[in-house]
Amino acid sequence: MISEISLMMSGALGQKVINFYMSYQLLFNTIVVLYGAILLLAHLNEKRIIRSILTNRGEDHLTLETLDYLEEMEDPEFWKTLLKSIKVPIISTRSALYYQKANRENILKNLTKHLKRRK
C-alpha cells in the first residue's frame, strides 16, 4: 500500500527511476556492499599502521611527538616495513567516504587529522 502511494506521488520520472533500480538492483547492491567492504579494509589497514607505529615507538597512543618523529623519519626501509604490515595498500580517510593509496604522505596527513579531531 505504501509503495503504491509513493509510486503515485513520484510521478512519471520517479516511476522510471524506481523501475530502473528494480531492474538492476542486484548490480547496485553488489557494488554498494563491495565498496563498503573496501572501506572497512582501508579502515583496518589504517588501524594496523597506527598499531605498528605505536609498537615500534613503545607508546600507548598517538601524540604530537609521535607525529613529529614520523615526519622526520626519512628511512625508506621503515616505511617499506610499515606498508608491508598491511595486505592491500589502501587506507581510509577521516573526512569522507573514500580511501587513499597507502604512502608516507597520506599516512602523515591522516594521522595529523586524527590528532586534531581528538583534541
N, C-alpha and C. Protein backbone atom coordinates (compact mmCIF):
# COMPACT_ATOMS: atom_id res chain seq x y z
N MET A 1 0.82 -1.19 0.00
CA MET A 1 0.00 0.00 0.00
C MET A 1 0.87 1.26 0.00
N ILE A 2 1.86 1.29 0.89
CA ILE A 2 2.73 2.47 0.96
C ILE A 2 3.54 2.60 -0.32
N SER A 3 4.01 1.46 -0.86
CA SER A 3 4.78 1.53 -2.10
C SER A 3 3.93 2.05 -3.26
N GLU A 4 2.65 1.67 -3.28
CA GLU A 4 1.76 2.17 -4.33
C GLU A 4 1.56 3.67 -4.20
N ILE A 5 1.39 4.16 -2.98
CA ILE A 5 1.21 5.60 -2.76
C ILE A 5 2.47 6.35 -3.17
N SER A 6 3.66 5.82 -2.79
CA SER A 6 4.89 6.51 -3.15
C SER A 6 5.11 6.50 -4.66
N LEU A 7 4.71 5.41 -5.33
CA LEU A 7 4.81 5.38 -6.80
C LEU A 7 3.90 6.41 -7.44
N MET A 8 2.69 6.56 -6.91
CA MET A 8 1.75 7.54 -7.46
C MET A 8 2.25 8.96 -7.22
N MET A 9 2.87 9.20 -6.06
CA MET A 9 3.33 10.55 -5.73
C MET A 9 4.61 10.93 -6.47
N SER A 10 5.38 9.95 -6.90
CA SER A 10 6.67 10.25 -7.52
C SER A 10 6.54 10.70 -8.97
N GLY A 11 5.44 10.45 -9.60
CA GLY A 11 5.25 10.88 -10.97
C GLY A 11 5.92 9.95 -11.96
N ALA A 12 5.90 10.36 -13.22
CA ALA A 12 6.42 9.50 -14.30
C ALA A 12 7.93 9.29 -14.19
N LEU A 13 8.67 10.36 -13.90
CA LEU A 13 10.12 10.25 -13.79
C LEU A 13 10.50 9.38 -12.59
N GLY A 14 9.83 9.56 -11.48
CA GLY A 14 10.10 8.75 -10.30
C GLY A 14 9.84 7.28 -10.55
N GLN A 15 8.78 6.99 -11.28
CA GLN A 15 8.47 5.60 -11.60
C GLN A 15 9.53 4.99 -12.51
N LYS A 16 10.06 5.78 -13.43
CA LYS A 16 11.12 5.29 -14.31
C LYS A 16 12.39 5.00 -13.51
N VAL A 17 12.71 5.89 -12.57
CA VAL A 17 13.89 5.69 -11.74
C VAL A 17 13.73 4.43 -10.88
N ILE A 18 12.57 4.27 -10.28
CA ILE A 18 12.31 3.09 -9.45
C ILE A 18 12.35 1.82 -10.30
N ASN A 19 11.76 1.85 -11.47
CA ASN A 19 11.80 0.68 -12.34
C ASN A 19 13.22 0.35 -12.79
N PHE A 20 14.01 1.39 -13.07
CA PHE A 20 15.41 1.17 -13.45
C PHE A 20 16.18 0.53 -12.29
N TYR A 21 15.96 1.05 -11.09
CA TYR A 21 16.65 0.47 -9.92
C TYR A 21 16.20 -0.97 -9.71
N MET A 22 14.92 -1.24 -9.81
CA MET A 22 14.42 -2.60 -9.60
C MET A 22 14.99 -3.56 -10.64
N SER A 23 15.20 -3.08 -11.85
CA SER A 23 15.76 -3.94 -12.90
C SER A 23 17.21 -4.32 -12.62
N TYR A 24 17.96 -3.39 -12.00
CA TYR A 24 19.39 -3.59 -11.79
C TYR A 24 19.77 -3.59 -10.30
N GLN A 25 18.83 -3.92 -9.44
CA GLN A 25 19.11 -3.81 -8.01
C GLN A 25 20.21 -4.77 -7.54
N LEU A 26 20.31 -5.93 -8.13
CA LEU A 26 21.38 -6.85 -7.74
C LEU A 26 22.74 -6.24 -8.03
N LEU A 27 22.90 -5.62 -9.17
CA LEU A 27 24.16 -4.97 -9.52
C LEU A 27 24.46 -3.81 -8.58
N PHE A 28 23.48 -2.93 -8.36
CA PHE A 28 23.68 -1.77 -7.49
C PHE A 28 24.01 -2.20 -6.07
N ASN A 29 23.27 -3.15 -5.54
CA ASN A 29 23.50 -3.60 -4.17
C ASN A 29 24.86 -4.27 -4.02
N THR A 30 25.28 -5.02 -5.04
CA THR A 30 26.59 -5.66 -5.01
C THR A 30 27.70 -4.61 -4.99
N ILE A 31 27.56 -3.58 -5.80
CA ILE A 31 28.55 -2.50 -5.84
C ILE A 31 28.63 -1.80 -4.48
N VAL A 32 27.50 -1.53 -3.87
CA VAL A 32 27.48 -0.85 -2.56
C VAL A 32 28.14 -1.72 -1.49
N VAL A 33 27.83 -3.00 -1.48
CA VAL A 33 28.41 -3.90 -0.48
C VAL A 33 29.92 -4.03 -0.69
N LEU A 34 30.37 -4.17 -1.94
CA LEU A 34 31.81 -4.26 -2.22
C LEU A 34 32.54 -2.99 -1.82
N TYR A 35 31.94 -1.84 -2.10
CA TYR A 35 32.55 -0.58 -1.71
C TYR A 35 32.65 -0.48 -0.19
N GLY A 36 31.61 -0.92 0.51
CA GLY A 36 31.65 -0.93 1.97
C GLY A 36 32.75 -1.85 2.49
N ALA A 37 32.94 -3.00 1.85
CA ALA A 37 34.00 -3.93 2.25
C ALA A 37 35.37 -3.30 2.02
N ILE A 38 35.53 -2.58 0.93
CA ILE A 38 36.81 -1.91 0.65
C ILE A 38 37.07 -0.83 1.69
N LEU A 39 36.04 -0.06 2.06
CA LEU A 39 36.21 0.96 3.10
C LEU A 39 36.57 0.34 4.44
N LEU A 40 35.96 -0.80 4.76
CA LEU A 40 36.29 -1.50 6.00
C LEU A 40 37.74 -1.96 5.98
N LEU A 41 38.18 -2.52 4.89
CA LEU A 41 39.56 -2.97 4.75
C LEU A 41 40.52 -1.78 4.88
N ALA A 42 40.19 -0.67 4.28
CA ALA A 42 41.04 0.53 4.37
C ALA A 42 41.11 1.03 5.81
N HIS A 43 40.00 0.98 6.52
CA HIS A 43 39.98 1.40 7.93
C HIS A 43 40.84 0.47 8.78
N LEU A 44 40.71 -0.83 8.56
CA LEU A 44 41.51 -1.79 9.31
C LEU A 44 43.00 -1.63 9.01
N ASN A 45 43.33 -1.31 7.76
CA ASN A 45 44.73 -1.06 7.40
C ASN A 45 45.28 0.14 8.16
N GLU A 46 44.49 1.18 8.25
CA GLU A 46 44.93 2.36 8.98
C GLU A 46 45.16 2.02 10.45
N LYS A 47 44.29 1.23 11.04
CA LYS A 47 44.46 0.82 12.43
C LYS A 47 45.72 -0.03 12.61
N ARG A 48 45.99 -0.92 11.65
CA ARG A 48 47.21 -1.74 11.71
C ARG A 48 48.47 -0.87 11.65
N ILE A 49 48.43 0.14 10.79
CA ILE A 49 49.58 1.04 10.66
C ILE A 49 49.80 1.79 11.97
N ILE A 50 48.74 2.31 12.55
CA ILE A 50 48.86 3.03 13.81
C ILE A 50 49.39 2.11 14.90
N ARG A 51 48.85 0.90 14.98
CA ARG A 51 49.31 -0.07 15.99
C ARG A 51 50.79 -0.40 15.78
N SER A 52 51.20 -0.55 14.53
CA SER A 52 52.60 -0.86 14.23
C SER A 52 53.52 0.29 14.63
N ILE A 53 53.09 1.51 14.37
CA ILE A 53 53.89 2.68 14.74
C ILE A 53 54.01 2.77 16.26
N LEU A 54 52.91 2.58 16.95
CA LEU A 54 52.93 2.68 18.41
C LEU A 54 53.77 1.57 19.03
N THR A 55 53.70 0.37 18.47
CA THR A 55 54.51 -0.74 18.97
C THR A 55 55.99 -0.45 18.74
N ASN A 56 56.30 0.09 17.58
CA ASN A 56 57.69 0.43 17.26
C ASN A 56 58.24 1.49 18.21
N ARG A 57 57.40 2.44 18.58
CA ARG A 57 57.82 3.53 19.47
C ARG A 57 57.67 3.19 20.94
N GLY A 58 56.95 2.11 21.26
CA GLY A 58 56.71 1.74 22.65
C GLY A 58 55.75 2.68 23.35
N GLU A 59 54.77 3.17 22.61
CA GLU A 59 53.79 4.12 23.17
C GLU A 59 52.40 3.49 23.20
N ASP A 60 51.52 4.12 23.97
CA ASP A 60 50.15 3.62 24.09
C ASP A 60 49.18 4.30 23.14
N HIS A 61 49.43 5.57 22.83
CA HIS A 61 48.53 6.32 21.95
C HIS A 61 49.32 7.36 21.15
N LEU A 62 48.69 7.84 20.10
CA LEU A 62 49.35 8.83 19.24
C LEU A 62 49.49 10.16 19.96
N THR A 63 50.64 10.76 19.79
CA THR A 63 50.88 12.09 20.34
C THR A 63 51.51 12.95 19.25
N LEU A 64 51.65 14.23 19.55
CA LEU A 64 52.33 15.12 18.61
C LEU A 64 53.80 14.75 18.45
N GLU A 65 54.40 14.23 19.52
CA GLU A 65 55.79 13.80 19.43
C GLU A 65 55.93 12.63 18.46
N THR A 66 54.97 11.71 18.49
CA THR A 66 54.99 10.59 17.55
C THR A 66 54.89 11.10 16.13
N LEU A 67 54.00 12.05 15.90
CA LEU A 67 53.83 12.62 14.57
C LEU A 67 55.10 13.34 14.12
N ASP A 68 55.72 14.09 15.03
CA ASP A 68 56.97 14.77 14.69
C ASP A 68 58.06 13.76 14.33
N TYR A 69 58.12 12.66 15.08
CA TYR A 69 59.08 11.60 14.80
C TYR A 69 58.86 11.02 13.40
N LEU A 70 57.60 10.78 13.06
CA LEU A 70 57.28 10.21 11.75
C LEU A 70 57.59 11.18 10.61
N GLU A 71 57.33 12.47 10.84
CA GLU A 71 57.62 13.46 9.80
C GLU A 71 59.12 13.57 9.54
N GLU A 72 59.92 13.37 10.58
CA GLU A 72 61.37 13.45 10.42
C GLU A 72 61.96 12.14 9.92
N MET A 73 61.20 11.06 10.02
CA MET A 73 61.70 9.74 9.61
C MET A 73 61.79 9.68 8.09
N GLU A 74 63.01 9.59 7.59
CA GLU A 74 63.25 9.54 6.15
C GLU A 74 63.70 8.16 5.70
N ASP A 75 63.84 7.23 6.63
CA ASP A 75 64.35 5.90 6.32
C ASP A 75 63.36 5.14 5.44
N PRO A 76 63.71 4.85 4.17
CA PRO A 76 62.77 4.15 3.29
C PRO A 76 62.47 2.73 3.76
N GLU A 77 63.40 2.10 4.47
CA GLU A 77 63.15 0.75 4.98
C GLU A 77 62.05 0.74 6.04
N PHE A 78 62.02 1.78 6.87
CA PHE A 78 60.96 1.89 7.88
C PHE A 78 59.59 1.94 7.22
N TRP A 79 59.47 2.77 6.18
CA TRP A 79 58.18 2.93 5.52
C TRP A 79 57.82 1.67 4.72
N LYS A 80 58.81 1.00 4.12
CA LYS A 80 58.54 -0.25 3.41
C LYS A 80 58.03 -1.31 4.37
N THR A 81 58.69 -1.42 5.53
CA THR A 81 58.26 -2.39 6.54
C THR A 81 56.87 -2.07 7.04
N LEU A 82 56.62 -0.78 7.24
CA LEU A 82 55.30 -0.36 7.72
C LEU A 82 54.22 -0.70 6.71
N LEU A 83 54.48 -0.46 5.45
CA LEU A 83 53.49 -0.75 4.41
C LEU A 83 53.35 -2.24 4.14
N LYS A 84 54.36 -3.02 4.47
CA LYS A 84 54.24 -4.47 4.31
C LYS A 84 53.36 -5.08 5.40
N SER A 85 53.11 -4.33 6.48
CA SER A 85 52.27 -4.85 7.55
C SER A 85 50.80 -4.90 7.14
N ILE A 86 50.46 -4.29 6.02
CA ILE A 86 49.09 -4.35 5.51
C ILE A 86 49.09 -5.14 4.20
N LYS A 87 47.99 -5.80 3.94
CA LYS A 87 47.91 -6.66 2.76
C LYS A 87 47.58 -5.89 1.48
N VAL A 88 46.68 -4.93 1.59
CA VAL A 88 46.25 -4.13 0.44
C VAL A 88 46.66 -2.69 0.72
N PRO A 89 47.37 -2.04 -0.18
CA PRO A 89 47.93 -0.71 0.10
C PRO A 89 46.93 0.44 0.01
N ILE A 90 45.89 0.37 0.81
CA ILE A 90 44.92 1.47 0.88
C ILE A 90 44.66 1.80 2.34
N ILE A 91 44.35 3.07 2.62
CA ILE A 91 43.98 3.49 3.96
C ILE A 91 42.74 4.36 3.86
N SER A 92 42.00 4.41 4.95
CA SER A 92 40.78 5.21 4.96
C SER A 92 41.10 6.67 5.25
N THR A 93 40.16 7.52 4.93
CA THR A 93 40.29 8.93 5.25
C THR A 93 39.33 9.25 6.38
N ARG A 94 39.63 10.26 7.11
CA ARG A 94 38.79 10.64 8.25
C ARG A 94 37.62 11.54 7.86
N SER A 95 37.74 12.22 6.74
CA SER A 95 36.76 13.26 6.44
C SER A 95 35.70 12.87 5.42
N ALA A 96 35.87 11.75 4.73
CA ALA A 96 34.91 11.40 3.68
C ALA A 96 34.82 9.89 3.52
N LEU A 97 33.93 9.48 2.67
CA LEU A 97 33.74 8.06 2.43
C LEU A 97 34.52 7.60 1.20
N TYR A 98 35.81 7.75 1.26
CA TYR A 98 36.67 7.25 0.19
C TYR A 98 37.97 6.76 0.80
N TYR A 99 38.81 6.16 0.01
CA TYR A 99 40.07 5.63 0.50
C TYR A 99 41.21 6.20 -0.32
N GLN A 100 42.41 6.06 0.21
CA GLN A 100 43.60 6.58 -0.45
C GLN A 100 44.66 5.50 -0.54
N LYS A 101 45.60 5.71 -1.44
CA LYS A 101 46.76 4.82 -1.52
C LYS A 101 47.60 5.02 -0.27
N ALA A 102 48.06 3.92 0.28
CA ALA A 102 48.88 4.00 1.49
C ALA A 102 50.31 4.37 1.11
N ASN A 103 50.70 5.58 1.44
CA ASN A 103 52.08 6.02 1.27
C ASN A 103 52.41 6.99 2.40
N ARG A 104 53.65 7.41 2.47
CA ARG A 104 54.11 8.24 3.59
C ARG A 104 53.29 9.51 3.74
N GLU A 105 53.06 10.21 2.65
CA GLU A 105 52.35 11.49 2.70
C GLU A 105 50.92 11.33 3.20
N ASN A 106 50.21 10.35 2.65
CA ASN A 106 48.81 10.14 3.05
C ASN A 106 48.70 9.67 4.49
N ILE A 107 49.64 8.83 4.92
CA ILE A 107 49.61 8.36 6.31
C ILE A 107 49.82 9.54 7.25
N LEU A 108 50.81 10.37 6.97
CA LEU A 108 51.07 11.53 7.82
C LEU A 108 49.89 12.50 7.83
N LYS A 109 49.28 12.73 6.66
CA LYS A 109 48.14 13.64 6.59
C LYS A 109 46.96 13.11 7.42
N ASN A 110 46.69 11.81 7.31
CA ASN A 110 45.57 11.23 8.06
C ASN A 110 45.84 11.20 9.56
N LEU A 111 47.08 10.93 9.95
CA LEU A 111 47.41 10.95 11.37
C LEU A 111 47.30 12.35 11.96
N THR A 112 47.68 13.35 11.17
CA THR A 112 47.53 14.74 11.63
C THR A 112 46.06 15.07 11.85
N LYS A 113 45.20 14.67 10.92
CA LYS A 113 43.76 14.90 11.08
C LYS A 113 43.22 14.14 12.28
N HIS A 114 43.74 12.93 12.49
CA HIS A 114 43.30 12.10 13.62
C HIS A 114 43.63 12.81 14.94
N LEU A 115 44.83 13.35 15.05
CA LEU A 115 45.21 14.04 16.28
C LEU A 115 44.42 15.32 16.49
N LYS A 116 44.13 16.05 15.42
CA LYS A 116 43.36 17.28 15.54
C LYS A 116 41.93 17.00 15.99
N ARG A 117 41.35 15.89 15.54
CA ARG A 117 39.99 15.54 15.94
C ARG A 117 39.91 15.13 17.41
N ARG A 118 40.96 14.52 17.91
CA ARG A 118 40.94 14.05 19.28
C ARG A 118 40.98 15.19 20.27
N LYS A 119 41.44 16.36 19.85
CA LYS A 119 41.56 17.49 20.78
C LYS A 119 40.31 18.30 20.85
